[in-house]
C-alpha atoms as a PDB file:
ATOM      1  CA  UNK A   1      -9.600   0.519 -14.040  1.00  0.00           C
ATOM      2  CA  UNK A   2     -12.861   0.707 -12.740  1.00  0.00           C
ATOM      3  CA  UNK A   3     -13.705   0.285  -8.851  1.00  0.00           C
ATOM      4  CA  UNK A   4     -14.561  -3.556  -8.448  1.00  0.00           C
ATOM      5  CA  UNK A   5     -18.322  -4.698  -8.244  1.00  0.00           C
ATOM      6  CA  UNK A   6     -19.380  -6.552  -5.258  1.00  0.00           C
ATOM      7  CA  UNK A   7     -20.622  -9.802  -6.100  1.00  0.00           C
ATOM      8  CA  UNK A   8     -22.725 -11.585  -3.534  1.00  0.00           C
ATOM      9  CA  UNK A   9     -22.554 -15.101  -4.611  1.00  0.00           C
ATOM     10  CA  UNK A  10     -22.296 -19.115  -4.058  1.00  0.00           C
ATOM     11  CA  UNK A  11     -21.353 -21.569  -6.786  1.00  0.00           C
ATOM     12  CA  UNK A  12     -24.606 -22.065  -8.201  1.00  0.00           C
ATOM     13  CA  UNK A  13     -25.712 -21.913 -11.632  1.00  0.00           C
ATOM     14  CA  UNK A  14     -27.500 -18.529 -11.039  1.00  0.00           C
ATOM     15  CA  UNK A  15     -24.211 -17.932  -9.283  1.00  0.00           C
ATOM     16  CA  UNK A  16     -22.217 -18.811 -12.510  1.00  0.00           C
ATOM     17  CA  UNK A  17     -24.197 -16.812 -14.603  1.00  0.00           C
ATOM     18  CA  UNK A  18     -22.521 -13.702 -13.256  1.00  0.00           C
ATOM     19  CA  UNK A  19     -19.402 -14.775 -12.743  1.00  0.00           C
ATOM     20  CA  UNK A  20     -19.109 -16.008 -16.224  1.00  0.00           C
ATOM     21  CA  UNK A  21     -20.315 -12.518 -17.292  1.00  0.00           C
ATOM     22  CA  UNK A  22     -17.807 -10.514 -15.075  1.00  0.00           C
ATOM     23  CA  UNK A  23     -14.895 -12.712 -16.390  1.00  0.00           C
ATOM     24  CA  UNK A  24     -15.997 -12.629 -20.180  1.00  0.00           C
ATOM     25  CA  UNK A  25     -16.521  -8.656 -19.803  1.00  0.00           C
ATOM     26  CA  UNK A  26     -13.243  -8.336 -18.139  1.00  0.00           C
ATOM     27  CA  UNK A  27     -15.011  -6.481 -15.042  1.00  0.00           C
ATOM     28  CA  UNK A  28     -12.835  -6.417 -11.604  1.00  0.00           C
ATOM     29  CA  UNK A  29     -15.055  -7.677  -8.886  1.00  0.00           C
ATOM     30  CA  UNK A  30     -14.787  -8.532  -5.114  1.00  0.00           C
ATOM     31  CA  UNK A  31     -16.148 -11.908  -4.075  1.00  0.00           C
ATOM     32  CA  UNK A  32     -18.614 -12.037  -0.817  1.00  0.00           C
ATOM     33  CA  UNK A  33     -19.613 -15.468  -0.440  1.00  0.00           C
ATOM     34  CA  UNK A  34     -23.305 -16.178   0.755  1.00  0.00           C
ATOM     35  CA  UNK A  35     -23.361 -19.630   2.191  1.00  0.00           C
ATOM     36  CA  UNK A  36     -26.796 -20.712   1.543  1.00  0.00           C
ATOM     37  CA  UNK A  37     -26.301 -23.979   3.392  1.00  0.00           C
ATOM     38  CA  UNK A  38     -25.557 -21.963   6.187  1.00  0.00           C
ATOM     39  CA  UNK A  39     -28.818 -19.464   6.063  1.00  0.00           C
ATOM     40  CA  UNK A  40     -26.541 -16.482   4.938  1.00  0.00           C
ATOM     41  CA  UNK A  41     -29.222 -15.374   2.693  1.00  0.00           C
ATOM     42  CA  UNK A  42     -31.660 -14.516   5.351  1.00  0.00           C
ATOM     43  CA  UNK A  43     -29.033 -12.162   7.063  1.00  0.00           C
ATOM     44  CA  UNK A  44     -30.518  -8.688   7.376  1.00  0.00           C
ATOM     45  CA  UNK A  45     -27.744  -6.896   5.591  1.00  0.00           C
ATOM     46  CA  UNK A  46     -28.210  -9.130   2.746  1.00  0.00           C
ATOM     47  CA  UNK A  47     -31.997  -9.099   2.486  1.00  0.00           C
ATOM     48  CA  UNK A  48     -31.230  -5.179   1.989  1.00  0.00           C
ATOM     49  CA  UNK A  49     -29.647  -6.128  -1.386  1.00  0.00           C
ATOM     50  CA  UNK A  50     -31.933  -9.119  -2.304  1.00  0.00           C
ATOM     51  CA  UNK A  51     -35.449  -8.946  -0.441  1.00  0.00           C
ATOM     52  CA  UNK A  52     -36.413 -12.253  -2.173  1.00  0.00           C
ATOM     53  CA  UNK A  53     -33.413 -13.874  -0.095  1.00  0.00           C
ATOM     54  CA  UNK A  54     -31.774 -15.312  -3.412  1.00  0.00           C
ATOM     55  CA  UNK A  55     -28.213 -14.815  -4.506  1.00  0.00           C
ATOM     56  CA  UNK A  56     -26.558 -13.487  -6.641  1.00  0.00           C
ATOM     57  CA  UNK A  57     -26.602  -9.625  -5.946  1.00  0.00           C
ATOM     58  CA  UNK A  58     -24.235  -7.062  -6.951  1.00  0.00           C
ATOM     59  CA  UNK A  59     -23.322  -3.583  -5.734  1.00  0.00           C
ATOM     60  CA  UNK A  60     -21.831  -1.408  -8.855  1.00  0.00           C
ATOM     61  CA  UNK A  61     -19.931   1.658  -6.943  1.00  0.00           C
ATOM     62  CA  UNK A  62     -20.176   3.165 -10.338  1.00  0.00           C
ATOM     63  CA  UNK A  63     -23.915   3.047 -11.324  1.00  0.00           C
ATOM     64  CA  UNK A  64     -25.495   4.750 -14.361  1.00  0.00           C
ATOM     65  CA  UNK A  65     -25.615   8.132 -12.587  1.00  0.00           C
ATOM     66  CA  UNK A  66     -22.138   7.594 -11.071  1.00  0.00           C
ATOM     67  CA  UNK A  67     -23.360   6.605  -7.613  1.00  0.00           C
ATOM     68  CA  UNK A  68     -23.571   3.336  -6.361  1.00  0.00           C
ATOM     69  CA  UNK A  69     -26.383   0.996  -7.527  1.00  0.00           C
ATOM     70  CA  UNK A  70     -27.423  -2.750  -6.201  1.00  0.00           C
ATOM     71  CA  UNK A  71     -29.156  -5.155  -8.345  1.00  0.00           C
ATOM     72  CA  UNK A  72     -30.752  -8.463  -7.119  1.00  0.00           C
ATOM     73  CA  UNK A  73     -32.050 -11.290  -9.935  1.00  0.00           C
ATOM     74  CA  UNK A  74     -29.341 -12.766 -12.112  1.00  0.00           C
ATOM     75  CA  UNK A  75     -31.473 -12.047 -15.118  1.00  0.00           C
ATOM     76  CA  UNK A  76     -31.298  -8.483 -14.254  1.00  0.00           C
ATOM     77  CA  UNK A  77     -27.909  -8.399 -13.371  1.00  0.00           C
ATOM     78  CA  UNK A  78     -26.789  -9.628 -16.840  1.00  0.00           C
ATOM     79  CA  UNK A  79     -28.948  -7.045 -18.579  1.00  0.00           C
ATOM     80  CA  UNK A  80     -27.386  -4.287 -16.405  1.00  0.00           C
ATOM     81  CA  UNK A  81     -23.646  -5.472 -17.255  1.00  0.00           C
ATOM     82  CA  UNK A  82     -24.551  -5.782 -20.696  1.00  0.00           C
ATOM     83  CA  UNK A  83     -25.735  -2.158 -20.830  1.00  0.00           C
ATOM     84  CA  UNK A  84     -22.928  -1.114 -18.842  1.00  0.00           C
ATOM     85  CA  UNK A  85     -20.105  -2.312 -20.896  1.00  0.00           C
ATOM     86  CA  UNK A  86     -22.021  -2.587 -24.245  1.00  0.00           C
ATOM     87  CA  UNK A  87     -20.732  -6.072 -24.448  1.00  0.00           C
ATOM     88  CA  UNK A  88     -22.647  -9.315 -25.289  1.00  0.00           C
ATOM     89  CA  UNK A  89     -25.810  -7.594 -25.747  1.00  0.00           C
ATOM     90  CA  UNK A  90     -26.266  -6.727 -29.338  1.00  0.00           C
ATOM     91  CA  UNK A  91     -25.817  -3.752 -31.296  1.00  0.00           C
ATOM     92  CA  UNK A  92     -29.285  -2.847 -32.185  1.00  0.00           C
ATOM     93  CA  UNK A  93     -32.863  -2.756 -30.435  1.00  0.00           C
ATOM     94  CA  UNK A  94     -33.593  -5.860 -32.609  1.00  0.00           C
ATOM     95  CA  UNK A  95     -30.535  -8.000 -31.288  1.00  0.00           C
ATOM     96  CA  UNK A  96     -31.383  -7.125 -27.632  1.00  0.00           C
ATOM     97  CA  UNK A  97     -35.033  -8.185 -27.960  1.00  0.00           C
ATOM     98  CA  UNK A  98     -33.840 -11.511 -29.656  1.00  0.00           C
ATOM     99  CA  UNK A  99     -31.297 -11.868 -26.641  1.00  0.00           C
ATOM    100  CA  UNK A 100     -34.056 -10.648 -24.231  1.00  0.00           C
ATOM    101  CA  UNK A 101     -36.348 -13.220 -25.446  1.00  0.00           C
ATOM    102  CA  UNK A 102     -34.030 -16.124 -24.870  1.00  0.00           C
ATOM    103  CA  UNK A 103     -32.826 -14.450 -21.465  1.00  0.00           C
ATOM    104  CA  UNK A 104     -36.555 -14.790 -20.055  1.00  0.00           C
ATOM    105  CA  UNK A 105     -37.035 -18.404 -21.477  1.00  0.00           C
ATOM    106  CA  UNK A 106     -34.231 -19.282 -19.333  1.00  0.00           C
ATOM    107  CA  UNK A 107     -35.391 -17.190 -16.435  1.00  0.00           C
ATOM    108  CA  UNK A 108     -39.191 -18.488 -16.658  1.00  0.00           C
ATOM    109  CA  UNK A 109     -38.330 -22.099 -17.989  1.00  0.00           C
ATOM    110  CA  UNK A 110     -35.183 -23.634 -17.882  1.00  0.00           C
ATOM    111  CA  UNK A 111     -34.114 -22.593 -14.431  1.00  0.00           C
ATOM    112  CA  UNK A 112     -37.329 -23.212 -12.643  1.00  0.00           C
ATOM    113  CA  UNK A 113     -37.696 -26.572 -14.361  1.00  0.00           C
ATOM    114  CA  UNK A 114     -34.299 -27.977 -14.299  1.00  0.00           C
ATOM    115  CA  UNK A 115     -33.935 -26.888 -10.406  1.00  0.00           C
ATOM    116  CA  UNK A 116     -37.057 -28.850  -9.709  1.00  0.00           C
ATOM    117  CA  UNK A 117     -35.630 -31.864 -11.745  1.00  0.00           C
ATOM    118  CA  UNK A 118     -32.622 -31.815 -10.018  1.00  0.00           C
ATOM    119  CA  UNK A 119     -34.138 -31.601  -6.543  1.00  0.00           C
ATOM    120  CA  UNK A 120     -36.895 -34.457  -7.193  1.00  0.00           C
ATOM    121  CA  UNK A 121     -34.027 -36.505  -8.897  1.00  0.00           C
ATOM    122  CA  UNK A 122     -31.387 -36.157  -6.439  1.00  0.00           C
ATOM    123  CA  UNK A 123     -32.134 -34.154  -3.421  1.00  0.00           C
ATOM    124  CA  UNK A 124     -35.665 -35.478  -2.459  1.00  0.00           C
ATOM    125  CA  UNK A 125     -34.843 -39.257  -2.529  1.00  0.00           C
ATOM    126  CA  UNK A 126     -32.066 -38.609   0.205  1.00  0.00           C
ATOM    127  CA  UNK A 127     -33.993 -36.784   2.878  1.00  0.00           C
ATOM    128  CA  UNK A 128     -35.129 -38.394   6.077  1.00  0.00           C
ATOM    129  CA  UNK A 129     -37.539 -40.062   5.289  1.00  0.00           C
ATOM    130  CA  UNK A 130     -36.625 -40.647   1.742  1.00  0.00           C
ATOM    131  CA  UNK A 131     -38.927 -38.628  -0.534  1.00  0.00           C
ATOM    132  CA  UNK A 132     -39.218 -40.733  -4.054  1.00  0.00           C
ATOM    133  CA  UNK A 133     -41.882 -39.138  -5.927  1.00  0.00           C
ATOM    134  CA  UNK A 134     -41.994 -40.614  -9.659  1.00  0.00           C
ATOM    135  CA  UNK A 135     -44.573 -38.358 -10.785  1.00  0.00           C
ATOM    136  CA  UNK A 136     -42.638 -35.186  -9.947  1.00  0.00           C
ATOM    137  CA  UNK A 137     -39.821 -36.803 -11.173  1.00  0.00           C
ATOM    138  CA  UNK A 138     -41.284 -37.595 -14.549  1.00  0.00           C
ATOM    139  CA  UNK A 139     -42.994 -34.215 -14.747  1.00  0.00           C
ATOM    140  CA  UNK A 140     -39.863 -32.121 -14.361  1.00  0.00           C
ATOM    141  CA  UNK A 141     -37.497 -34.705 -16.114  1.00  0.00           C
ATOM    142  CA  UNK A 142     -39.875 -34.488 -19.358  1.00  0.00           C
ATOM    143  CA  UNK A 143     -40.447 -30.715 -19.258  1.00  0.00           C
ATOM    144  CA  UNK A 144     -36.547 -30.431 -19.122  1.00  0.00           C
ATOM    145  CA  UNK A 145     -36.232 -32.572 -22.030  1.00  0.00           C
ATOM    146  CA  UNK A 146     -38.833 -30.673 -23.770  1.00  0.00           C
ATOM    147  CA  UNK A 147     -37.138 -27.341 -23.418  1.00  0.00           C
ATOM    148  CA  UNK A 148     -33.747 -28.835 -24.482  1.00  0.00           C
ATOM    149  CA  UNK A 149     -35.278 -29.671 -27.565  1.00  0.00           C
ATOM    150  CA  UNK A 150     -36.586 -26.351 -28.215  1.00  0.00           C
ATOM    151  CA  UNK A 151     -32.845 -25.106 -27.507  1.00  0.00           C
ATOM    152  CA  UNK A 152     -31.635 -28.021 -30.025  1.00  0.00           C
ATOM    153  CA  UNK A 153     -34.059 -26.832 -32.731  1.00  0.00           C
ATOM    154  CA  UNK A 154     -32.714 -23.120 -32.331  1.00  0.00           C
ATOM    155  CA  UNK A 155     -29.332 -23.854 -32.528  1.00  0.00           C
ATOM    156  CA  UNK A 156     -29.591 -26.021 -35.786  1.00  0.00           C
ATOM    157  CA  UNK A 157     -29.534 -22.601 -37.698  1.00  0.00           C
ATOM    158  CA  UNK A 158     -27.549 -20.509 -35.183  1.00  0.00           C
ATOM    159  CA  UNK A 159     -24.240 -20.930 -33.516  1.00  0.00           C
ATOM    160  CA  UNK A 160     -25.020 -19.246 -30.332  1.00  0.00           C
ATOM    161  CA  UNK A 161     -28.703 -18.933 -29.094  1.00  0.00           C
ATOM    162  CA  UNK A 162     -29.539 -15.371 -30.118  1.00  0.00           C
ATOM    163  CA  UNK A 163     -27.154 -15.202 -33.020  1.00  0.00           C
ATOM    164  CA  UNK A 164     -23.666 -14.057 -31.692  1.00  0.00           C
ATOM    165  CA  UNK A 165     -22.536 -15.401 -28.074  1.00  0.00           C
ATOM    166  CA  UNK A 166     -24.484 -13.087 -25.443  1.00  0.00           C
ATOM    167  CA  UNK A 167     -25.769 -13.021 -22.198  1.00  0.00           C
ATOM    168  CA  UNK A 168     -28.396 -15.219 -22.985  1.00  0.00           C
ATOM    169  CA  UNK A 169     -25.776 -18.209 -23.756  1.00  0.00           C
ATOM    170  CA  UNK A 170     -24.247 -17.069 -20.308  1.00  0.00           C
ATOM    171  CA  UNK A 171     -27.860 -17.503 -18.564  1.00  0.00           C
ATOM    172  CA  UNK A 172     -28.677 -21.171 -19.919  1.00  0.00           C
ATOM    173  CA  UNK A 173     -25.194 -22.783 -20.250  1.00  0.00           C
ATOM    174  CA  UNK A 174     -24.986 -22.923 -16.466  1.00  0.00           C
ATOM    175  CA  UNK A 175     -28.178 -24.861 -16.220  1.00  0.00           C
ATOM    176  CA  UNK A 176     -27.746 -26.832 -18.970  1.00  0.00           C
ATOM    177  CA  UNK A 177     -24.304 -28.066 -18.693  1.00  0.00           C
ATOM    178  CA  UNK A 178     -25.662 -30.300 -15.745  1.00  0.00           C
ATOM    179  CA  UNK A 179     -27.990 -32.117 -18.121  1.00  0.00           C
ATOM    180  CA  UNK A 180     -26.725 -35.556 -16.716  1.00  0.00           C
ATOM    181  CA  UNK A 181     -27.847 -34.660 -13.285  1.00  0.00           C
ATOM    182  CA  UNK A 182     -31.347 -33.841 -14.645  1.00  0.00           C
ATOM    183  CA  UNK A 183     -31.097 -37.444 -16.171  1.00  0.00           C
ATOM    184  CA  UNK A 184     -31.521 -36.222 -19.784  1.00  0.00           C
ATOM    185  CA  UNK A 185     -30.577 -38.041 -22.862  1.00  0.00           C
ATOM    186  CA  UNK A 186     -28.924 -35.832 -25.544  1.00  0.00           C
ATOM    187  CA  UNK A 187     -27.802 -38.172 -27.930  1.00  0.00           C
ATOM    188  CA  UNK A 188     -30.719 -37.127 -30.195  1.00  0.00           C
ATOM    189  CA  UNK A 189     -29.704 -33.329 -29.559  1.00  0.00           C
ATOM    190  CA  UNK A 190     -26.376 -32.660 -31.569  1.00  0.00           C
ATOM    191  CA  UNK A 191     -26.684 -28.998 -31.904  1.00  0.00           C
ATOM    192  CA  UNK A 192     -27.459 -28.663 -28.150  1.00  0.00           C
ATOM    193  CA  UNK A 193     -24.468 -30.852 -27.319  1.00  0.00           C
ATOM    194  CA  UNK A 194     -22.039 -28.925 -29.782  1.00  0.00           C
ATOM    195  CA  UNK A 195     -23.310 -25.816 -28.413  1.00  0.00           C
ATOM    196  CA  UNK A 196     -22.326 -27.025 -24.784  1.00  0.00           C
ATOM    197  CA  UNK A 197     -18.916 -27.861 -25.635  1.00  0.00           C
ATOM    198  CA  UNK A 198     -18.299 -24.673 -27.417  1.00  0.00           C
ATOM    199  CA  UNK A 199     -19.510 -22.573 -24.760  1.00  0.00           C
ATOM    200  CA  UNK A 200     -18.094 -24.794 -22.263  1.00  0.00           C
ATOM    201  CA  UNK A 201     -14.597 -24.395 -23.641  1.00  0.00           C
ATOM    202  CA  UNK A 202     -14.425 -20.279 -23.502  1.00  0.00           C
ATOM    203  CA  UNK A 203     -11.740 -19.437 -21.166  1.00  0.00           C
ATOM    204  CA  UNK A 204     -13.972 -17.078 -19.226  1.00  0.00           C
ATOM    205  CA  UNK A 205     -16.657 -19.629 -18.918  1.00  0.00           C
ATOM    206  CA  UNK A 206     -14.031 -22.230 -17.405  1.00  0.00           C
ATOM    207  CA  UNK A 207     -12.684 -19.590 -15.049  1.00  0.00           C
ATOM    208  CA  UNK A 208     -16.132 -18.046 -14.185  1.00  0.00           C
ATOM    209  CA  UNK A 209     -17.511 -21.552 -13.151  1.00  0.00           C
ATOM    210  CA  UNK A 210     -14.369 -22.464 -10.916  1.00  0.00           C
ATOM    211  CA  UNK A 211     -14.897 -19.421  -8.462  1.00  0.00           C
ATOM    212  CA  UNK A 212     -15.323 -20.772  -5.023  1.00  0.00           C
ATOM    213  CA  UNK A 213     -15.355 -24.401  -6.612  1.00  0.00           C
ATOM    214  CA  UNK A 214     -13.711 -25.532  -3.202  1.00  0.00           C
ATOM    215  CA  UNK A 215     -16.840 -24.817  -1.318  1.00  0.00           C
ATOM    216  CA  UNK A 216     -19.495 -26.237  -3.505  1.00  0.00           C
ATOM    217  CA  UNK A 217     -18.727 -29.839  -2.946  1.00  0.00           C
ATOM    218  CA  UNK A 218     -17.530 -29.765   0.869  1.00  0.00           C
ATOM    219  CA  UNK A 219     -18.038 -32.385   2.801  1.00  0.00           C
ATOM    220  CA  UNK A 220     -21.021 -32.359   5.429  1.00  0.00           C
ATOM    221  CA  UNK A 221     -21.378 -34.353   8.748  1.00  0.00           C
ATOM    222  CA  UNK A 222     -24.979 -35.949   9.025  1.00  0.00           C
ATOM    223  CA  UNK A 223     -26.011 -33.131  11.534  1.00  0.00           C
ATOM    224  CA  UNK A 224     -24.397 -30.435   9.126  1.00  0.00           C
ATOM    225  CA  UNK A 225     -26.482 -31.827   6.283  1.00  0.00           C
ATOM    226  CA  UNK A 226     -29.574 -31.933   8.071  1.00  0.00           C
ATOM    227  CA  UNK A 227     -29.297 -28.548   9.328  1.00  0.00           C
ATOM    228  CA  UNK A 228     -28.664 -27.335   5.898  1.00  0.00           C
ATOM    229  CA  UNK A 229     -31.503 -29.351   4.492  1.00  0.00           C
ATOM    230  CA  UNK A 230     -33.842 -27.428   6.901  1.00  0.00           C
ATOM    231  CA  UNK A 231     -32.411 -24.042   5.864  1.00  0.00           C
ATOM    232  CA  UNK A 232     -32.939 -24.962   1.695  1.00  0.00           C
ATOM    233  CA  UNK A 233     -35.747 -26.970   1.760  1.00  0.00           C
ATOM    234  CA  UNK A 234     -38.146 -26.147   4.742  1.00  0.00           C
ATOM    235  CA  UNK A 235     -37.899 -22.194   5.257  1.00  0.00           C
ATOM    236  CA  UNK A 236     -41.090 -20.775   5.457  1.00  0.00           C
ATOM    237  CA  UNK A 237     -40.096 -17.223   5.632  1.00  0.00           C
END
């Protein structure tokens, strides 16, 4: 049994990517919660691992040369784990190019656009004073819809995003499964809907998404919510 990977994590779509991958690859891991609502991401020790003050980050005690290695950025972590285990990352250079394309599509498109849609639709209107910005809501809602149409077209002729189930699916699904929170209509996207259900029913996906679920929707007092909003949305450094 390999030494466990240290996973610095909070239950968000980017965090779920890595718990899902670790579960799919049957890699042992030790969980270290990074409470982003309390500002743990700005702790100097965490910044040594993730200088962009974002989770997830990992430390693998058994790195490529037998020495520990730390990695930040969820896409880079997925690529590393795919290389390490030779799982869910294709069997040829051609396979990996296709997987990387769709992984980058998520990192540069779905993640940022869905995150902004969720912010302006769900968080901004709850600020004090409320920030209801129709232009921003429409801009990001429409762009997410366009991206999901691209994905639906891709899935018309492919069971999974890159052919076989891969780290690309693990990257996209945690964001895409929240389509309702992004105010999307998927009635016209049957292939996307089928894929959501198929990926979401995998035991490792269910288990990975459930990691630390109890802290995700914890109740906050008004004072705690005000403090966490300042950390999440007003941090300059």
